[in-house]
Amino acid sequence: MKKLVIGLVSPYDYNVHGGVQEHTTNLGKALTKLGHSVVYFSPSEEGSTIPQPHINIGYGVRLPTFNGSWAELSFSQTPSKTIKDTLAKHQIEILHFQELLVPFASWSWIKRSSAINIATYHAGWEVESTKQGPFSMYTQFVKSKIFDYLHQTITVSPVSERCNQLLLKDNIIIPPAIDIASIQKKQKRPQAFNQPDNHLLFVGRLDERKGAHHLIKALYRMPKDIIQNTTLHIIGTGPGKTHLQSLIKRYKLVDRVIFHGAFSQDLKYAHMQHADIFIAPTTHGESFGMVLIEALAAGCPVIAGNNEGYATTLTNYPCQEYITDPTKYKNFAQVIAQLLTNKTHKTKIKKWATSFVPQFDAMQVAKKHEKIYLEAMEKNKR
């Protein structure tokens, strides 16, 4: 089989944690194990988390996105000739762009690329957002900038396929690459888990969309005999922390909630392995839900918000009552209490996860990409 030189382009800084960066790193490592050469491109200047070999394509400015999250606009001041010379020097055959919807650096590179240009779209929104005028106008604008340079597109889920439909070309759905082996490597029980409590886990940015405040409000409504023996662990940072702290004080839950701050991957996996339930109360703006797969891979049952992305990913979840509306606090509290006390459901979910999770392993995902790359080269006679 032909061995390729692949450029993986991220519009996001690798020094900032995010699903796109995690997917791209996992995909690159797996492609390397398959014998291909991988070069990473991103607006990252320096840092220990940047995969190598790496080429800096500009700088980023952090702004809110359409789906209520945060992302970077990446800008490039690299001259056209330098871009062309860099791609030629590294003999890039496949230039694979992640989240090409994000301006502007990636657009500069795709316009000057003579390689096979492939794009993966990750983000997703609710149906109503997709139909709104500003979003539709922006998508048309992006299409005018990059569509003619594309040879193939990939979306990570049916939701991202629907949302990015104007930008698709011979599209195929391939889920994000997840490092299952690292997640399942046995981790020492976190010190904060030493007390004999029920341990709930939230991992994510502390903002409105990710919904940690909904979880706090549900916690307050749980039966007292359960909540007094339950600890919520919050891993993540963000602008909503002050509001969460005020809610915790108001509801007298100070001794029931622990903030762990920023996290390493190992810390995240250790908490997932030893938590009783992983809770992701995101209300909207998700296309897939990598963190759900990570928790299930670690052996942790999941309660998820019923946004379209999470619900689609967990279509075959064996206990559908745990995919719920996190804004209905009384019911949300009942759902959490139910799973905490239902060993049969926990066992059923863990057993199901052992057959569900492997399809997302980075090596399996990389093999699907390898097939797409080779087919695109054959189709375009490279």
Protein backbone atom coordinates (compact mmCIF):
# COMPACT_ATOMS: atom_id res chain seq x y z
CA MET A 1 0.00 0.00 0.00
CA LYS A 2 1.24 3.46 -0.89
CA LYS A 3 2.64 5.44 2.03
CA LEU A 4 1.52 9.04 2.05
CA VAL A 5 2.79 12.39 3.29
CA ILE A 6 -0.20 13.94 5.06
CA GLY A 7 -0.60 17.46 6.36
CA LEU A 8 -3.15 17.79 9.18
CA VAL A 9 -4.33 21.39 9.50
CA SER A 10 -6.05 22.65 12.65
CA PRO A 11 -7.39 26.22 12.91
CA TYR A 12 -7.00 25.99 16.69
CA ASP A 13 -3.99 26.41 18.95
CA TYR A 14 -2.77 23.10 20.38
CA ASN A 15 -1.96 24.89 23.64
CA VAL A 16 -5.72 25.23 24.22
CA HIS A 17 -7.59 22.02 24.99
CA GLY A 18 -10.36 21.13 22.57
CA GLY A 19 -12.01 18.22 20.79
CA VAL A 20 -10.69 19.17 17.35
CA GLN A 21 -7.11 19.33 18.61
CA GLU A 22 -7.53 16.02 20.44
CA HIS A 23 -8.99 14.32 17.37
CA THR A 24 -6.25 15.66 15.08
CA THR A 25 -3.45 14.53 17.39
CA ASN A 26 -4.98 11.06 17.83
CA LEU A 27 -5.54 10.71 14.08
CA GLY A 28 -1.99 11.77 13.29
CA LYS A 29 -0.46 9.30 15.74
CA ALA A 30 -2.53 6.45 14.31
CA LEU A 31 -1.69 7.38 10.71
CA THR A 32 1.99 7.37 11.66
CA LYS A 33 1.61 3.87 13.10
CA LEU A 34 0.13 2.83 9.74
CA GLY A 35 3.38 3.93 8.11
CA HIS A 36 2.42 7.34 6.76
CA SER A 37 4.33 10.57 7.36
CA VAL A 38 2.35 13.29 9.14
CA VAL A 39 3.07 17.01 9.42
CA TYR A 40 0.89 19.14 11.71
CA PHE A 41 -0.15 22.70 10.82
CA SER A 42 -1.79 25.12 13.27
CA PRO A 43 -1.63 28.66 14.73
CA SER A 44 0.50 27.42 17.65
CA GLU A 45 3.81 29.13 18.36
CA GLU A 46 5.33 26.95 21.08
CA GLY A 47 4.33 24.57 23.84
CA SER A 48 4.73 21.01 25.08
CA THR A 49 1.30 19.95 23.81
CA ILE A 50 2.03 20.69 20.15
CA PRO A 51 2.45 17.48 18.11
CA GLN A 52 5.55 17.22 15.99
CA PRO A 53 6.66 17.88 13.30
CA HIS A 54 4.72 21.11 13.35
CA ILE A 55 4.46 24.21 11.16
CA ASN A 56 2.96 27.43 12.51
CA ILE A 57 0.40 28.92 10.12
CA GLY A 58 -0.45 32.12 12.00
CA TYR A 59 -2.03 33.29 15.22
CA GLY A 60 -5.44 32.97 16.81
CA VAL A 61 -8.03 35.28 18.36
CA ARG A 62 -10.59 33.65 20.68
CA LEU A 63 -14.25 34.50 20.00
CA PRO A 64 -17.71 32.96 20.64
CA THR A 65 -19.05 30.67 17.91
CA PHE A 66 -22.45 30.01 16.37
CA ASN A 67 -23.17 27.04 18.65
CA GLY A 68 -22.56 28.92 21.91
CA SER A 69 -19.02 27.65 22.41
CA TRP A 70 -15.69 29.40 21.93
CA ALA A 71 -13.23 29.12 19.08
CA GLU A 72 -10.39 30.97 17.45
CA LEU A 73 -10.26 32.99 14.30
CA SER A 74 -6.83 32.15 12.94
CA PHE A 75 -4.96 34.71 10.87
CA SER A 76 -2.02 34.08 8.56
CA GLN A 77 0.50 36.60 7.32
CA THR A 78 2.48 33.95 5.46
CA PRO A 79 3.24 35.05 1.87
CA SER A 80 1.78 32.92 -0.93
CA LYS A 81 5.20 31.82 -2.15
CA THR A 82 6.23 30.69 1.35
CA ILE A 83 3.07 28.58 1.66
CA LYS A 84 3.69 26.93 -1.71
CA ASP A 85 7.39 26.39 -0.93
CA THR A 86 6.59 24.88 2.50
CA LEU A 87 4.12 22.39 1.06
CA ALA A 88 6.57 21.48 -1.71
CA LYS A 89 9.49 21.11 0.72
CA HIS A 90 7.56 18.62 2.84
CA GLN A 91 6.13 16.92 -0.27
CA ILE A 92 2.60 17.08 1.12
CA GLU A 93 0.29 14.81 -0.88
CA ILE A 94 -2.84 15.10 1.28
CA LEU A 95 -3.68 18.37 3.03
CA HIS A 96 -6.46 17.60 5.49
CA PHE A 97 -8.15 20.62 7.05
CA GLN A 98 -10.11 20.41 10.30
CA GLU A 99 -13.08 22.75 10.79
CA LEU A 100 -12.57 24.67 7.54
CA LEU A 101 -15.60 26.77 8.49
CA VAL A 102 -13.24 28.75 10.76
CA PRO A 103 -11.49 31.68 9.04
CA PHE A 104 -8.90 32.75 7.97
CA ALA A 105 -5.49 31.02 8.04
CA SER A 106 -6.71 27.70 6.67
CA TRP A 107 -8.30 29.49 3.73
CA SER A 108 -4.94 31.02 2.80
CA TRP A 109 -3.31 27.59 2.77
CA ILE A 110 -6.00 25.71 0.83
CA LYS A 111 -5.97 28.31 -1.94
CA ARG A 112 -2.25 27.75 -2.48
CA SER A 113 -2.21 23.99 -2.11
CA SER A 114 -1.55 21.71 -5.07
CA ALA A 115 -2.15 18.63 -2.87
CA ILE A 116 -5.40 16.69 -2.49
CA ASN A 117 -7.44 18.96 -0.21
CA ILE A 118 -9.79 17.27 2.24
CA ALA A 119 -11.88 18.94 4.94
CA THR A 120 -13.50 17.56 8.08
CA TYR A 121 -16.37 19.51 9.61
CA HIS A 122 -16.89 18.95 13.34
CA ALA A 123 -19.36 21.56 14.56
CA GLY A 124 -23.12 21.27 14.64
CA TRP A 125 -26.14 23.36 15.57
CA GLU A 126 -29.83 22.96 16.08
CA VAL A 127 -32.08 22.90 13.02
CA GLU A 128 -33.44 26.37 13.74
CA SER A 129 -29.95 27.89 13.86
CA THR A 130 -28.99 26.31 10.54
CA LYS A 131 -31.96 27.94 8.81
CA GLN A 132 -31.36 31.41 10.22
CA GLY A 133 -30.34 34.11 7.76
CA PRO A 134 -26.96 35.13 9.25
CA PHE A 135 -25.74 31.54 9.47
CA SER A 136 -26.89 30.71 5.94
CA MET A 137 -25.25 33.87 4.61
CA TYR A 138 -21.99 33.04 6.37
CA THR A 139 -21.96 29.49 5.00
CA GLN A 140 -22.50 30.84 1.49
CA PHE A 141 -19.59 33.22 2.07
CA VAL A 142 -17.32 30.38 3.20
CA LYS A 143 -18.36 28.31 0.21
CA SER A 144 -17.34 31.11 -2.14
CA LYS A 145 -13.90 31.16 -0.53
CA ILE A 146 -12.95 27.48 -0.33
CA PHE A 147 -15.33 25.13 -2.13
CA ASP A 148 -13.58 25.09 -5.51
CA TYR A 149 -10.33 23.99 -3.84
CA LEU A 150 -11.83 20.93 -2.12
CA HIS A 151 -11.60 17.35 -3.40
CA GLN A 152 -13.44 15.56 -0.57
CA THR A 153 -15.25 16.30 2.69
CA ILE A 154 -15.80 14.37 5.91
CA THR A 155 -18.25 15.10 8.73
CA VAL A 156 -18.01 13.58 12.19
CA SER A 157 -21.73 12.88 12.59
CA PRO A 158 -25.14 13.17 10.92
CA VAL A 159 -25.63 16.45 12.79
CA SER A 160 -22.45 18.03 11.42
CA GLU A 161 -23.36 16.70 7.97
CA ARG A 162 -26.72 18.48 8.09
CA CYS A 163 -25.30 21.73 9.41
CA ASN A 164 -22.50 21.93 6.84
CA GLN A 165 -24.45 20.61 3.86
CA LEU A 166 -23.64 23.59 1.63
CA LEU A 167 -19.92 22.88 2.02
CA LEU A 168 -19.91 19.14 1.31
CA LYS A 169 -18.28 17.34 -1.61
CA ASP A 170 -18.53 13.52 -1.93
CA ASN A 171 -19.06 13.54 1.81
CA ILE A 172 -18.61 10.59 4.16
CA ILE A 173 -19.24 10.41 7.91
CA ILE A 174 -16.28 9.31 10.03
CA PRO A 175 -16.40 9.84 13.82
CA PRO A 176 -13.60 11.55 15.76
CA ALA A 177 -10.47 9.57 16.64
CA ILE A 178 -10.30 8.65 20.33
CA ASP A 179 -7.27 7.19 22.13
CA ILE A 180 -9.10 4.27 23.73
CA ALA A 181 -5.90 2.57 24.96
CA SER A 182 -4.83 5.64 26.96
CA ILE A 183 -8.30 6.04 28.44
CA GLN A 184 -8.38 2.42 29.57
CA LYS A 185 -4.85 2.38 30.99
CA LYS A 186 -5.41 1.79 34.69
CA GLN A 187 -5.10 5.00 36.71
CA LYS A 188 -4.62 5.43 40.43
CA ARG A 189 -7.77 6.37 42.32
CA PRO A 190 -7.78 10.19 42.76
CA GLN A 191 -7.19 11.35 46.31
CA ALA A 192 -10.48 13.26 46.28
CA PHE A 193 -12.27 9.94 45.73
CA ASN A 194 -10.95 8.35 48.92
CA GLN A 195 -14.06 9.24 50.93
CA PRO A 196 -16.80 6.58 50.58
CA ASP A 197 -19.22 8.83 48.71
CA ASN A 198 -21.08 8.54 45.44
CA HIS A 199 -18.90 10.43 42.98
CA LEU A 200 -20.42 12.40 40.10
CA LEU A 201 -18.17 13.87 37.41
CA PHE A 202 -18.53 16.87 35.11
CA VAL A 203 -15.79 17.67 32.57
CA GLY A 204 -15.98 20.71 30.34
CA ARG A 205 -15.84 24.44 29.94
CA LEU A 206 -17.66 26.37 32.65
CA ASP A 207 -20.07 28.31 30.48
CA GLU A 208 -23.79 28.57 29.80
CA ARG A 209 -23.91 25.98 27.01
CA LYS A 210 -22.10 23.17 28.81
CA GLY A 211 -24.67 23.40 31.58
CA ALA A 212 -22.83 22.84 34.86
CA HIS A 213 -25.28 25.27 36.50
CA HIS A 214 -28.15 22.96 35.54
CA LEU A 215 -26.35 20.13 37.30
CA ILE A 216 -25.95 22.21 40.48
CA LYS A 217 -29.66 23.05 40.49
CA ALA A 218 -30.55 19.38 40.01
CA LEU A 219 -28.17 18.37 42.80
CA TYR A 220 -30.06 20.68 45.18
CA ARG A 221 -33.30 18.84 44.35
CA MET A 222 -31.97 15.33 44.98
CA PRO A 223 -33.17 13.39 48.06
CA LYS A 224 -31.25 14.50 51.15
CA ASP A 225 -30.23 10.97 52.10
CA ILE A 226 -28.50 10.65 48.71
CA ILE A 227 -26.99 14.12 48.38
CA GLN A 228 -25.38 13.98 51.82
CA ASN A 229 -23.34 11.01 50.57
CA THR A 230 -22.63 12.39 47.08
CA THR A 231 -19.77 14.54 45.79
CA LEU A 232 -19.75 16.35 42.45
CA HIS A 233 -16.32 16.78 40.87
CA ILE A 234 -16.01 19.59 38.32
CA ILE A 235 -13.02 19.51 35.98
CA GLY A 236 -12.60 22.53 33.74
CA THR A 237 -12.31 26.31 33.66
CA GLY A 238 -14.33 29.13 32.18
CA PRO A 239 -16.21 32.37 32.76
CA GLY A 240 -19.08 30.68 34.59
CA LYS A 241 -17.13 29.57 37.65
CA THR A 242 -18.13 32.58 39.80
CA HIS A 243 -21.81 31.99 39.05
CA LEU A 244 -21.45 28.30 39.91
CA GLN A 245 -19.79 29.16 43.21
CA SER A 246 -22.64 31.51 44.10
CA LEU A 247 -25.21 28.81 43.30
CA ILE A 248 -23.34 26.32 45.46
CA LYS A 249 -23.35 28.72 48.40
CA ARG A 250 -27.03 29.57 47.91
CA TYR A 251 -28.02 25.90 47.88
CA LYS A 252 -25.67 25.01 50.77
CA LEU A 253 -23.71 22.52 48.66
CA VAL A 254 -20.23 23.84 49.42
CA ASP A 255 -19.12 20.54 50.99
CA ARG A 256 -20.71 18.55 48.14
CA VAL A 257 -18.85 20.10 45.17
CA ILE A 258 -15.14 20.12 44.36
CA PHE A 259 -13.59 22.30 41.64
CA HIS A 260 -10.46 20.71 40.17
CA GLY A 261 -9.65 23.46 37.67
CA ALA A 262 -7.72 22.82 34.47
CA PHE A 263 -6.97 19.21 33.72
CA SER A 264 -4.44 16.93 32.10
CA GLN A 265 -5.63 13.98 30.07
CA ASP A 266 -4.41 11.52 32.70
CA LEU A 267 -6.29 13.39 35.44
CA LYS A 268 -9.44 13.35 33.34
CA TYR A 269 -9.15 9.63 32.63
CA ALA A 270 -8.43 8.80 36.28
CA HIS A 271 -11.59 10.59 37.38
CA MET A 272 -13.63 8.91 34.65
CA GLN A 273 -12.38 5.47 35.67
CA HIS A 274 -13.33 5.95 39.30
CA ALA A 275 -16.49 8.07 39.13
CA ASP A 276 -19.89 6.47 39.61
CA ILE A 277 -21.58 8.56 36.92
CA PHE A 278 -20.34 10.96 34.25
CA ILE A 279 -22.82 13.78 33.62
CA ALA A 280 -22.80 15.98 30.49
CA PRO A 281 -25.73 18.43 30.82
CA THR A 282 -25.06 20.37 27.61
CA THR A 283 -28.28 21.85 26.28
CA HIS A 284 -27.40 22.59 22.65
CA GLY A 285 -24.68 23.10 20.07
CA GLU A 286 -23.17 19.59 20.02
CA SER A 287 -22.61 17.51 16.89
CA PHE A 288 -21.12 14.37 18.45
CA GLY A 289 -19.87 14.19 22.05
CA MET A 290 -16.30 12.86 22.27
CA VAL A 291 -16.37 13.19 26.04
CA LEU A 292 -19.29 10.74 26.24
CA ILE A 293 -17.27 8.08 24.41
CA GLU A 294 -14.26 8.75 26.63
CA ALA A 295 -16.35 8.25 29.78
CA LEU A 296 -17.93 5.06 28.46
CA ALA A 297 -14.49 3.77 27.42
CA ALA A 298 -13.31 4.38 30.97
CA GLY A 299 -16.18 2.25 32.26
CA CYS A 300 -18.27 5.11 33.60
CA PRO A 301 -22.05 5.21 32.98
CA VAL A 302 -23.26 8.42 31.35
CA ILE A 303 -26.16 10.80 31.86
CA ALA A 304 -26.35 13.20 28.91
CA GLY A 305 -28.32 16.25 27.88
CA ASN A 306 -30.82 15.50 25.16
CA ASN A 307 -29.31 17.86 22.59
CA GLU A 308 -29.35 16.54 19.04
CA GLY A 309 -25.66 15.64 18.88
CA TYR A 310 -25.56 13.64 22.11
CA ALA A 311 -28.89 11.95 21.42
CA THR A 312 -27.72 10.89 17.96
CA THR A 313 -24.43 9.50 19.23
CA LEU A 314 -26.27 7.55 21.94
CA THR A 315 -29.13 6.36 19.72
CA ASN A 316 -28.65 2.78 20.91
CA TYR A 317 -27.88 3.61 24.54
CA PRO A 318 -29.49 0.76 26.50
CA CYS A 319 -31.12 3.03 29.10
CA GLN A 320 -32.60 5.93 27.17
CA GLU A 321 -34.11 7.54 30.27
CA TYR A 322 -30.59 8.82 31.07
CA ILE A 323 -30.60 11.04 27.99
CA THR A 324 -32.66 13.83 29.45
CA ASP A 325 -33.50 17.53 29.47
CA PRO A 326 -31.14 19.06 32.06
CA THR A 327 -33.29 22.19 32.41
CA LYS A 328 -36.15 20.22 33.98
CA TYR A 329 -34.46 20.09 37.35
CA LYS A 330 -36.84 17.88 39.30
CA ASN A 331 -36.74 15.15 36.66
CA PHE A 332 -33.00 15.63 36.15
CA ALA A 333 -32.45 15.09 39.89
CA GLN A 334 -34.61 11.96 39.82
CA VAL A 335 -32.65 10.55 36.88
CA ILE A 336 -29.32 11.07 38.67
CA ALA A 337 -30.62 9.51 41.89
CA GLN A 338 -32.05 6.57 39.94
CA LEU A 339 -28.79 5.68 38.23
CA LEU A 340 -26.80 6.12 41.44
CA THR A 341 -28.94 3.48 43.14
CA ASN A 342 -29.60 1.13 40.20
CA LYS A 343 -26.75 -1.38 39.95
CA THR A 344 -28.57 -3.30 37.21
CA HIS A 345 -28.61 -0.26 34.91
CA LYS A 346 -24.95 0.51 35.64
CA THR A 347 -23.94 -3.05 34.75
CA LYS A 348 -26.08 -3.01 31.60
CA ILE A 349 -24.52 0.25 30.39
CA LYS A 350 -20.96 -0.91 31.06
CA LYS A 351 -21.54 -4.17 29.22
CA TRP A 352 -23.05 -2.36 26.23
CA ALA A 353 -20.14 0.09 26.13
CA THR A 354 -17.61 -2.71 25.62
CA SER A 355 -19.06 -3.39 22.16
CA PHE A 356 -19.99 0.21 21.32
CA VAL A 357 -16.73 2.03 22.07
CA PRO A 358 -14.17 0.17 19.86
CA GLN A 359 -15.50 1.72 16.62
CA PHE A 360 -14.14 5.08 17.78
CA ASP A 361 -10.62 3.83 18.44
CA ALA A 362 -8.07 6.06 16.71
CA MET A 363 -6.59 3.20 14.69
CA GLN A 364 -9.99 2.18 13.30
CA VAL A 365 -10.77 5.79 12.45
CA ALA A 366 -7.33 6.24 10.85
CA LYS A 367 -7.87 3.24 8.59
CA LYS A 368 -11.08 4.82 7.31
CA HIS A 369 -9.18 8.04 6.61
CA GLU A 370 -6.42 6.12 4.87
CA LYS A 371 -9.01 4.59 2.53
CA ILE A 372 -10.49 8.01 1.77
CA TYR A 373 -7.05 9.50 1.09
CA LEU A 374 -6.07 6.74 -1.35
CA GLU A 375 -9.42 6.86 -3.14
CA ALA A 376 -9.18 10.63 -3.50
CA MET A 377 -5.68 10.34 -4.98
CA GLU A 378 -6.85 7.69 -7.42
CA LYS A 379 -9.91 9.70 -8.39
CA ASN A 380 -7.76 12.75 -9.04
CA LYS A 381 -4.95 10.74 -10.66
CA ARG A 382 -2.17 11.59 -8.22
